[in-house]
N, C-alpha and C. Protein backbone atom coordinates (compact mmCIF):
# COMPACT_ATOMS: atom_id res chain seq x y z
N MET A 1 117.34 -137.21 -49.96
CA MET A 1 116.11 -137.94 -49.75
C MET A 1 115.44 -137.48 -48.45
N ALA A 2 116.17 -137.48 -47.35
CA ALA A 2 115.58 -137.07 -46.07
C ALA A 2 116.04 -135.66 -45.75
N ARG A 3 115.13 -134.84 -45.31
CA ARG A 3 115.44 -133.47 -44.94
C ARG A 3 115.50 -133.41 -43.42
N HIS A 4 116.59 -132.87 -42.90
CA HIS A 4 116.78 -132.81 -41.45
C HIS A 4 116.39 -131.42 -40.94
N ARG A 5 115.64 -131.41 -39.86
CA ARG A 5 115.27 -130.16 -39.21
C ARG A 5 115.32 -130.37 -37.71
N THR A 6 115.78 -129.36 -37.05
CA THR A 6 115.67 -129.35 -35.61
C THR A 6 114.61 -128.31 -35.28
N ILE A 7 113.54 -128.74 -34.69
CA ILE A 7 112.45 -127.83 -34.36
C ILE A 7 112.60 -127.45 -32.90
N SER A 8 113.08 -126.25 -32.66
CA SER A 8 113.28 -125.83 -31.28
C SER A 8 112.17 -124.90 -30.81
N GLU A 9 111.52 -124.19 -31.72
CA GLU A 9 110.48 -123.25 -31.31
C GLU A 9 109.15 -123.95 -31.06
N ASN A 10 108.88 -125.01 -31.79
CA ASN A 10 107.57 -125.66 -31.72
C ASN A 10 107.69 -127.09 -31.24
N VAL A 11 106.73 -127.48 -30.42
CA VAL A 11 106.62 -128.87 -30.00
C VAL A 11 105.29 -129.36 -30.53
N VAL A 12 105.33 -130.35 -31.42
CA VAL A 12 104.12 -130.86 -32.03
C VAL A 12 103.68 -132.10 -31.27
N LEU A 13 102.43 -132.08 -30.82
CA LEU A 13 101.85 -133.23 -30.12
C LEU A 13 100.65 -133.72 -30.91
N GLU A 14 100.56 -135.02 -31.05
CA GLU A 14 99.40 -135.60 -31.73
C GLU A 14 98.17 -135.46 -30.85
N ARG A 15 97.04 -135.24 -31.46
CA ARG A 15 95.78 -135.17 -30.71
C ARG A 15 95.52 -136.50 -30.01
N LYS A 16 95.92 -137.59 -30.68
CA LYS A 16 95.73 -138.93 -30.11
C LYS A 16 96.50 -139.07 -28.80
N LEU A 17 97.69 -138.48 -28.74
CA LEU A 17 98.51 -138.54 -27.52
C LEU A 17 97.84 -137.77 -26.39
N ILE A 18 97.39 -136.56 -26.69
CA ILE A 18 96.80 -135.71 -25.65
C ILE A 18 95.52 -136.32 -25.08
N SER A 19 94.75 -137.00 -25.90
CA SER A 19 93.49 -137.57 -25.42
C SER A 19 93.64 -139.01 -24.94
N SER A 20 94.86 -139.55 -24.94
CA SER A 20 95.06 -140.94 -24.53
C SER A 20 94.91 -141.11 -23.02
N ARG A 21 94.56 -142.30 -22.61
CA ARG A 21 94.41 -142.64 -21.19
C ARG A 21 95.76 -142.53 -20.48
N ALA A 22 96.83 -142.93 -21.17
CA ALA A 22 98.17 -142.89 -20.56
C ALA A 22 98.56 -141.46 -20.23
N PHE A 23 98.32 -140.53 -21.14
CA PHE A 23 98.68 -139.13 -20.93
C PHE A 23 97.83 -138.52 -19.82
N ARG A 24 96.54 -138.83 -19.79
CA ARG A 24 95.62 -138.27 -18.81
C ARG A 24 95.92 -138.72 -17.39
N ARG A 25 96.62 -139.85 -17.26
CA ARG A 25 96.95 -140.37 -15.92
C ARG A 25 98.33 -139.93 -15.43
N LEU A 26 99.04 -139.13 -16.21
CA LEU A 26 100.35 -138.64 -15.79
C LEU A 26 100.20 -137.53 -14.75
N SER A 27 101.18 -137.43 -13.89
CA SER A 27 101.21 -136.31 -12.94
C SER A 27 101.60 -135.04 -13.69
N LYS A 28 101.40 -133.92 -13.06
CA LYS A 28 101.75 -132.63 -13.67
C LYS A 28 103.24 -132.57 -14.01
N THR A 29 104.07 -133.01 -13.08
CA THR A 29 105.51 -132.99 -13.31
C THR A 29 105.89 -133.91 -14.47
N ALA A 30 105.28 -135.09 -14.55
CA ALA A 30 105.57 -136.03 -15.63
C ALA A 30 105.16 -135.44 -16.98
N MET A 31 104.05 -134.70 -17.02
CA MET A 31 103.64 -134.03 -18.26
C MET A 31 104.67 -132.98 -18.69
N ILE A 32 105.17 -132.22 -17.73
CA ILE A 32 106.17 -131.19 -18.03
C ILE A 32 107.46 -131.85 -18.53
N VAL A 33 107.88 -132.92 -17.88
CA VAL A 33 109.10 -133.62 -18.30
C VAL A 33 108.90 -134.22 -19.70
N LEU A 34 107.72 -134.77 -19.98
CA LEU A 34 107.45 -135.30 -21.32
C LEU A 34 107.53 -134.20 -22.37
N LEU A 35 106.98 -133.03 -22.07
CA LEU A 35 107.07 -131.91 -23.00
C LEU A 35 108.53 -131.48 -23.21
N ASP A 36 109.33 -131.54 -22.15
CA ASP A 36 110.76 -131.24 -22.29
C ASP A 36 111.44 -132.25 -23.22
N PHE A 37 111.10 -133.53 -23.07
CA PHE A 37 111.65 -134.55 -23.96
C PHE A 37 111.21 -134.31 -25.40
N MET A 38 109.95 -133.96 -25.58
CA MET A 38 109.45 -133.68 -26.93
C MET A 38 110.20 -132.50 -27.55
N GLY A 39 110.56 -131.54 -26.73
CA GLY A 39 111.32 -130.39 -27.21
C GLY A 39 112.75 -130.73 -27.58
N LYS A 40 113.28 -131.81 -27.03
CA LYS A 40 114.66 -132.21 -27.31
C LYS A 40 114.79 -133.11 -28.54
N ARG A 41 113.68 -133.61 -29.03
CA ARG A 41 113.77 -134.51 -30.19
C ARG A 41 114.07 -133.71 -31.45
N GLN A 42 114.76 -134.34 -32.37
CA GLN A 42 115.07 -133.75 -33.67
C GLN A 42 114.32 -134.56 -34.72
N MET A 43 113.48 -133.87 -35.45
CA MET A 43 112.64 -134.54 -36.43
C MET A 43 113.26 -134.45 -37.83
N GLU A 44 113.06 -135.50 -38.62
CA GLU A 44 113.49 -135.47 -40.01
C GLU A 44 112.34 -135.96 -40.88
N GLU A 45 112.20 -135.31 -42.01
CA GLU A 45 111.14 -135.67 -42.94
C GLU A 45 111.65 -136.75 -43.87
N VAL A 46 110.89 -137.81 -44.01
CA VAL A 46 111.26 -138.91 -44.89
C VAL A 46 110.28 -138.92 -46.05
N LYS A 47 110.81 -138.73 -47.26
CA LYS A 47 109.98 -138.74 -48.46
C LYS A 47 109.77 -140.16 -48.93
N HIS A 48 108.54 -140.46 -49.33
CA HIS A 48 108.20 -141.78 -49.85
C HIS A 48 107.67 -141.61 -51.27
N PRO A 49 108.11 -142.45 -52.17
CA PRO A 49 107.53 -142.37 -53.52
C PRO A 49 106.09 -142.86 -53.49
N ARG A 50 105.23 -142.18 -54.15
CA ARG A 50 103.81 -142.54 -54.31
C ARG A 50 102.96 -142.43 -53.04
N ARG A 51 103.48 -141.81 -52.00
CA ARG A 51 102.63 -141.56 -50.83
C ARG A 51 103.17 -140.37 -50.06
N LYS A 52 102.38 -139.94 -49.10
CA LYS A 52 102.71 -138.75 -48.33
C LYS A 52 103.98 -138.95 -47.52
N SER A 53 104.78 -137.91 -47.39
CA SER A 53 106.00 -138.01 -46.59
C SER A 53 105.64 -138.14 -45.11
N SER A 54 106.56 -138.67 -44.34
CA SER A 54 106.33 -138.84 -42.90
C SER A 54 107.51 -138.25 -42.13
N TRP A 55 107.31 -138.10 -40.85
CA TRP A 55 108.33 -137.55 -39.97
C TRP A 55 108.77 -138.63 -38.99
N GLN A 56 110.07 -138.66 -38.71
CA GLN A 56 110.58 -139.59 -37.71
C GLN A 56 111.61 -138.86 -36.84
N ILE A 57 111.84 -139.42 -35.66
CA ILE A 57 112.78 -138.81 -34.71
C ILE A 57 114.19 -139.23 -35.10
N LYS A 58 115.02 -138.24 -35.37
CA LYS A 58 116.39 -138.48 -35.82
C LYS A 58 117.29 -138.91 -34.66
N ASN A 59 117.10 -138.34 -33.49
CA ASN A 59 117.99 -138.61 -32.35
C ASN A 59 117.35 -139.51 -31.30
N ASN A 60 116.42 -140.36 -31.71
CA ASN A 60 115.75 -141.24 -30.74
C ASN A 60 116.76 -142.24 -30.18
N GLY A 61 116.79 -142.39 -28.89
CA GLY A 61 117.77 -143.26 -28.23
C GLY A 61 119.02 -142.51 -27.82
N GLU A 62 119.11 -141.24 -28.19
CA GLU A 62 120.29 -140.42 -27.85
C GLU A 62 119.89 -139.15 -27.11
N ILE A 63 118.68 -139.10 -26.60
CA ILE A 63 118.19 -137.90 -25.94
C ILE A 63 118.65 -137.90 -24.48
N GLN A 64 119.31 -136.82 -24.07
CA GLN A 64 119.79 -136.68 -22.70
C GLN A 64 118.94 -135.67 -21.95
N TYR A 65 118.66 -135.99 -20.72
CA TYR A 65 117.99 -135.05 -19.83
C TYR A 65 118.51 -135.37 -18.44
N THR A 66 119.41 -134.57 -17.95
CA THR A 66 120.10 -134.86 -16.70
C THR A 66 119.34 -134.27 -15.51
N TYR A 67 119.65 -134.79 -14.34
CA TYR A 67 119.06 -134.29 -13.10
C TYR A 67 119.45 -132.83 -12.88
N LYS A 68 120.67 -132.47 -13.22
CA LYS A 68 121.13 -131.10 -13.07
C LYS A 68 120.33 -130.16 -13.97
N GLU A 69 120.06 -130.61 -15.19
CA GLU A 69 119.26 -129.80 -16.12
C GLU A 69 117.82 -129.64 -15.60
N ALA A 70 117.27 -130.71 -15.04
CA ALA A 70 115.91 -130.66 -14.50
C ALA A 70 115.86 -129.70 -13.31
N GLU A 71 116.87 -129.75 -12.46
CA GLU A 71 116.91 -128.83 -11.31
C GLU A 71 117.01 -127.39 -11.78
N GLY A 72 117.74 -127.15 -12.88
CA GLY A 72 117.83 -125.81 -13.47
C GLY A 72 116.49 -125.33 -14.00
N ARG A 73 115.60 -126.25 -14.32
CA ARG A 73 114.26 -125.89 -14.80
C ARG A 73 113.22 -125.91 -13.68
N GLY A 74 113.69 -126.04 -12.44
CA GLY A 74 112.80 -125.96 -11.29
C GLY A 74 112.17 -127.28 -10.86
N ILE A 75 112.72 -128.41 -11.32
CA ILE A 75 112.18 -129.72 -10.95
C ILE A 75 113.16 -130.37 -9.97
N PRO A 76 112.76 -130.61 -8.72
CA PRO A 76 113.65 -131.27 -7.77
C PRO A 76 114.01 -132.68 -8.24
N SER A 77 115.16 -133.17 -7.83
CA SER A 77 115.64 -134.47 -8.32
C SER A 77 114.70 -135.61 -7.96
N SER A 78 114.08 -135.57 -6.77
CA SER A 78 113.16 -136.65 -6.39
C SER A 78 111.91 -136.63 -7.28
N SER A 79 111.40 -135.45 -7.60
CA SER A 79 110.25 -135.34 -8.49
C SER A 79 110.60 -135.75 -9.91
N PHE A 80 111.81 -135.40 -10.34
CA PHE A 80 112.26 -135.77 -11.67
C PHE A 80 112.37 -137.30 -11.79
N GLN A 81 112.91 -137.93 -10.77
CA GLN A 81 113.03 -139.39 -10.78
C GLN A 81 111.65 -140.05 -10.86
N ARG A 82 110.70 -139.58 -10.08
CA ARG A 82 109.34 -140.13 -10.12
C ARG A 82 108.69 -139.90 -11.49
N ALA A 83 108.93 -138.74 -12.08
CA ALA A 83 108.37 -138.43 -13.40
C ALA A 83 108.94 -139.36 -14.47
N ILE A 84 110.25 -139.60 -14.44
CA ILE A 84 110.88 -140.52 -15.40
C ILE A 84 110.31 -141.92 -15.22
N ASP A 85 110.20 -142.37 -13.99
CA ASP A 85 109.63 -143.70 -13.73
C ASP A 85 108.21 -143.80 -14.26
N GLN A 86 107.43 -142.76 -14.05
CA GLN A 86 106.04 -142.76 -14.52
C GLN A 86 105.97 -142.75 -16.05
N LEU A 87 106.84 -141.99 -16.71
CA LEU A 87 106.85 -141.96 -18.17
C LEU A 87 107.25 -143.31 -18.76
N ILE A 88 108.15 -144.01 -18.10
CA ILE A 88 108.54 -145.35 -18.55
C ILE A 88 107.38 -146.33 -18.34
N GLU A 89 106.76 -146.28 -17.17
CA GLU A 89 105.65 -147.20 -16.85
C GLU A 89 104.43 -146.98 -17.74
N HIS A 90 104.20 -145.74 -18.18
CA HIS A 90 103.04 -145.43 -19.02
C HIS A 90 103.34 -145.59 -20.52
N GLY A 91 104.59 -145.89 -20.86
CA GLY A 91 104.93 -146.20 -22.25
C GLY A 91 105.38 -145.02 -23.10
N PHE A 92 105.80 -143.92 -22.48
CA PHE A 92 106.27 -142.77 -23.24
C PHE A 92 107.78 -142.77 -23.44
N LEU A 93 108.51 -143.38 -22.53
CA LEU A 93 109.98 -143.37 -22.58
C LEU A 93 110.55 -144.77 -22.42
N SER A 94 111.75 -144.94 -22.94
CA SER A 94 112.56 -146.12 -22.69
C SER A 94 113.98 -145.66 -22.43
N VAL A 95 114.69 -146.37 -21.59
CA VAL A 95 116.10 -146.06 -21.33
C VAL A 95 116.91 -146.85 -22.34
N SER A 96 117.64 -146.13 -23.20
CA SER A 96 118.46 -146.83 -24.19
C SER A 96 119.87 -147.10 -23.67
N GLN A 97 120.36 -146.27 -22.76
CA GLN A 97 121.67 -146.50 -22.15
C GLN A 97 121.66 -145.90 -20.76
N THR A 98 121.99 -146.71 -19.77
CA THR A 98 122.01 -146.25 -18.39
C THR A 98 123.33 -145.55 -18.11
N GLY A 99 123.24 -144.36 -17.54
CA GLY A 99 124.43 -143.59 -17.23
C GLY A 99 124.94 -143.88 -15.83
N ALA A 100 126.03 -143.22 -15.49
CA ALA A 100 126.62 -143.34 -14.16
C ALA A 100 127.07 -141.95 -13.74
N GLY A 101 126.41 -141.39 -12.73
CA GLY A 101 126.71 -140.04 -12.29
C GLY A 101 128.13 -139.86 -11.80
N VAL A 102 128.71 -140.90 -11.19
CA VAL A 102 130.07 -140.82 -10.68
C VAL A 102 131.05 -140.57 -11.82
N PHE A 103 130.79 -141.16 -12.97
CA PHE A 103 131.69 -141.04 -14.11
C PHE A 103 131.21 -139.98 -15.11
N ARG A 104 130.22 -139.18 -14.72
CA ARG A 104 129.65 -138.13 -15.56
C ARG A 104 129.15 -138.65 -16.90
N ALA A 105 128.59 -139.84 -16.90
CA ALA A 105 127.98 -140.42 -18.09
C ALA A 105 126.46 -140.28 -17.95
N ALA A 106 125.85 -139.57 -18.87
CA ALA A 106 124.41 -139.29 -18.79
C ALA A 106 123.62 -140.49 -19.30
N THR A 107 122.42 -140.65 -18.78
CA THR A 107 121.50 -141.67 -19.26
C THR A 107 120.91 -141.19 -20.58
N LEU A 108 120.79 -142.10 -21.54
CA LEU A 108 120.20 -141.77 -22.84
C LEU A 108 118.81 -142.38 -22.92
N TYR A 109 117.86 -141.60 -23.42
CA TYR A 109 116.47 -142.01 -23.49
C TYR A 109 115.99 -142.07 -24.93
N ALA A 110 114.94 -142.87 -25.13
CA ALA A 110 114.25 -142.94 -26.42
C ALA A 110 112.78 -142.68 -26.17
N LEU A 111 112.16 -141.87 -27.02
CA LEU A 111 110.71 -141.68 -26.94
C LEU A 111 110.05 -142.92 -27.52
N ASP A 112 109.10 -143.45 -26.79
CA ASP A 112 108.48 -144.73 -27.13
C ASP A 112 107.02 -144.51 -27.49
N GLU A 113 106.44 -145.45 -28.17
CA GLU A 113 105.02 -145.36 -28.53
C GLU A 113 104.19 -146.47 -27.90
N ARG A 114 104.70 -147.05 -26.82
CA ARG A 114 103.93 -148.08 -26.11
C ARG A 114 102.68 -147.50 -25.47
N TRP A 115 102.65 -146.18 -25.27
CA TRP A 115 101.50 -145.52 -24.64
C TRP A 115 100.21 -145.76 -25.42
N LYS A 116 100.33 -146.03 -26.71
CA LYS A 116 99.13 -146.25 -27.54
C LYS A 116 98.34 -147.47 -27.08
N ASP A 117 99.03 -148.45 -26.48
CA ASP A 117 98.37 -149.67 -25.99
C ASP A 117 98.11 -149.64 -24.50
N PHE A 118 98.35 -148.51 -23.84
CA PHE A 118 98.20 -148.42 -22.39
C PHE A 118 96.77 -148.79 -21.97
N GLY A 119 96.67 -149.67 -20.98
CA GLY A 119 95.37 -150.09 -20.48
C GLY A 119 94.77 -151.27 -21.22
N SER A 120 95.43 -151.74 -22.28
CA SER A 120 94.92 -152.90 -23.02
C SER A 120 95.79 -154.13 -22.73
N ASP A 121 95.35 -155.27 -23.23
CA ASP A 121 96.12 -156.50 -23.05
C ASP A 121 97.42 -156.49 -23.84
N ASP A 122 97.49 -155.66 -24.88
CA ASP A 122 98.69 -155.60 -25.72
C ASP A 122 99.80 -154.73 -25.13
N PHE A 123 99.50 -154.01 -24.05
CA PHE A 123 100.48 -153.11 -23.45
C PHE A 123 101.63 -153.89 -22.84
N LYS A 124 102.86 -153.50 -23.20
CA LYS A 124 104.06 -154.13 -22.68
C LYS A 124 104.60 -153.26 -21.55
N SER A 125 104.38 -153.71 -20.34
CA SER A 125 104.79 -152.96 -19.16
C SER A 125 106.31 -153.02 -18.99
N ARG A 126 106.89 -151.89 -18.62
CA ARG A 126 108.32 -151.82 -18.33
C ARG A 126 108.53 -150.95 -17.11
N LYS A 127 109.61 -151.23 -16.43
CA LYS A 127 110.04 -150.39 -15.32
C LYS A 127 111.52 -150.11 -15.51
N ARG A 128 111.95 -149.02 -14.94
CA ARG A 128 113.37 -148.70 -15.02
C ARG A 128 114.13 -149.68 -14.16
N THR A 129 115.21 -150.23 -14.69
CA THR A 129 116.01 -151.17 -13.91
C THR A 129 116.76 -150.39 -12.84
N LYS A 130 116.66 -150.87 -11.65
CA LYS A 130 117.35 -150.24 -10.53
C LYS A 130 118.79 -150.71 -10.52
N LYS A 131 119.69 -149.74 -10.50
CA LYS A 131 121.10 -150.09 -10.48
C LYS A 131 121.54 -150.43 -9.07
N SER A 132 122.40 -151.42 -8.98
CA SER A 132 122.98 -151.76 -7.70
C SER A 132 123.93 -150.64 -7.30
N ARG A 133 123.88 -150.26 -6.05
CA ARG A 133 124.73 -149.16 -5.61
C ARG A 133 126.21 -149.52 -5.69
N TRP A 134 126.53 -150.75 -5.41
CA TRP A 134 127.93 -151.17 -5.42
C TRP A 134 128.16 -152.13 -6.57
N LYS A 135 129.04 -151.74 -7.46
CA LYS A 135 129.41 -152.59 -8.59
C LYS A 135 130.73 -153.27 -8.24
N HIS A 136 130.83 -154.53 -8.55
CA HIS A 136 132.05 -155.27 -8.23
C HIS A 136 133.23 -154.84 -9.08
N GLU A 137 132.98 -154.35 -10.29
CA GLU A 137 134.08 -154.00 -11.17
C GLU A 137 134.54 -152.55 -10.98
N ILE A 138 133.88 -151.79 -10.10
CA ILE A 138 134.26 -150.40 -9.86
C ILE A 138 134.99 -150.32 -8.53
N GLY A 139 136.03 -149.50 -8.49
CA GLY A 139 136.77 -149.29 -7.25
C GLY A 139 137.97 -150.21 -7.13
N PHE A 140 138.60 -150.20 -5.95
CA PHE A 140 139.78 -151.02 -5.72
C PHE A 140 139.39 -152.49 -5.61
N GLN A 141 140.14 -153.33 -6.29
CA GLN A 141 139.87 -154.76 -6.30
C GLN A 141 140.82 -155.46 -5.32
N LYS A 142 140.50 -156.71 -5.01
CA LYS A 142 141.37 -157.49 -4.13
C LYS A 142 142.76 -157.55 -4.74
N GLY A 143 143.76 -157.45 -3.87
CA GLY A 143 145.14 -157.46 -4.33
C GLY A 143 145.72 -156.06 -4.46
N HIS A 144 144.88 -155.05 -4.55
CA HIS A 144 145.36 -153.66 -4.63
C HIS A 144 145.74 -153.21 -3.23
N PRO A 145 146.83 -152.43 -3.08
CA PRO A 145 147.27 -152.03 -1.74
C PRO A 145 146.22 -151.21 -0.97
N HIS A 146 145.33 -150.53 -1.65
CA HIS A 146 144.33 -149.72 -0.96
C HIS A 146 142.99 -150.43 -0.79
N TYR A 147 142.94 -151.69 -1.16
CA TYR A 147 141.70 -152.45 -1.01
C TYR A 147 141.40 -152.57 0.49
N PRO A 148 140.18 -152.27 0.93
CA PRO A 148 139.90 -152.33 2.37
C PRO A 148 140.01 -153.75 2.90
N ARG A 149 140.75 -153.86 4.00
CA ARG A 149 140.93 -155.16 4.64
C ARG A 149 139.89 -155.35 5.73
N LYS A 150 139.43 -156.57 5.90
CA LYS A 150 138.38 -156.84 6.89
C LYS A 150 138.91 -156.80 8.32
N ASP A 151 140.19 -157.07 8.52
CA ASP A 151 140.72 -157.10 9.88
C ASP A 151 141.05 -155.69 10.40
N GLY A 152 140.96 -154.66 9.54
CA GLY A 152 141.18 -153.29 9.98
C GLY A 152 142.64 -152.88 9.97
N SER A 153 143.56 -153.77 9.67
CA SER A 153 144.98 -153.42 9.64
C SER A 153 145.31 -152.71 8.33
N GLU A 154 146.46 -152.01 8.36
CA GLU A 154 146.91 -151.30 7.16
C GLU A 154 147.38 -152.27 6.10
N LYS A 155 148.17 -153.28 6.47
CA LYS A 155 148.68 -154.25 5.50
C LYS A 155 148.59 -155.63 5.99
C-alpha cells in the first residue's frame, strides 16, 4: 500500500513554505539547518482510493542532528543552538526526545507544520525546554561512599 523512498539527492520544498512569513524571518544559519533537516527526512507515498496519493514523513520524530555533525558542516555549536531555538520558535521543528550529551544520547526532532500559522492568533508558540544542568538522579547519591560531603572530610 505505501511505497517507501529515501530521497537523498533532492530536497523538495513547498512554494508556500518558501514564501511564508516564518521562513522569511529566519536567519541564514537557521535556513541552512532547516534545509539539512529536510534532507534527513524520509518520505513515503501513501496511496488513497479514489483520490490522489500523498506523501508523508516516515521518520518524523526520529530525526537526529547532533552538534558534532553541525560542526562538521561548518556551523559552530553556539550558532547551531540559536538556529534550533529559532526553528522551534517559528514552528518548523519540535523536540520529540531530549538527549543527554554525557550519555551520548542524541536529541530527536520532528518536522512541524506550525509555521503555517506563524504571525496569526492560531499560532501555538513553543520554546525548547532548558535542561537543568544538575539532575538529582544522575551521579553519586547520598549514602554512596564517594558522595561529596559538606564538611570536607573523607568519611
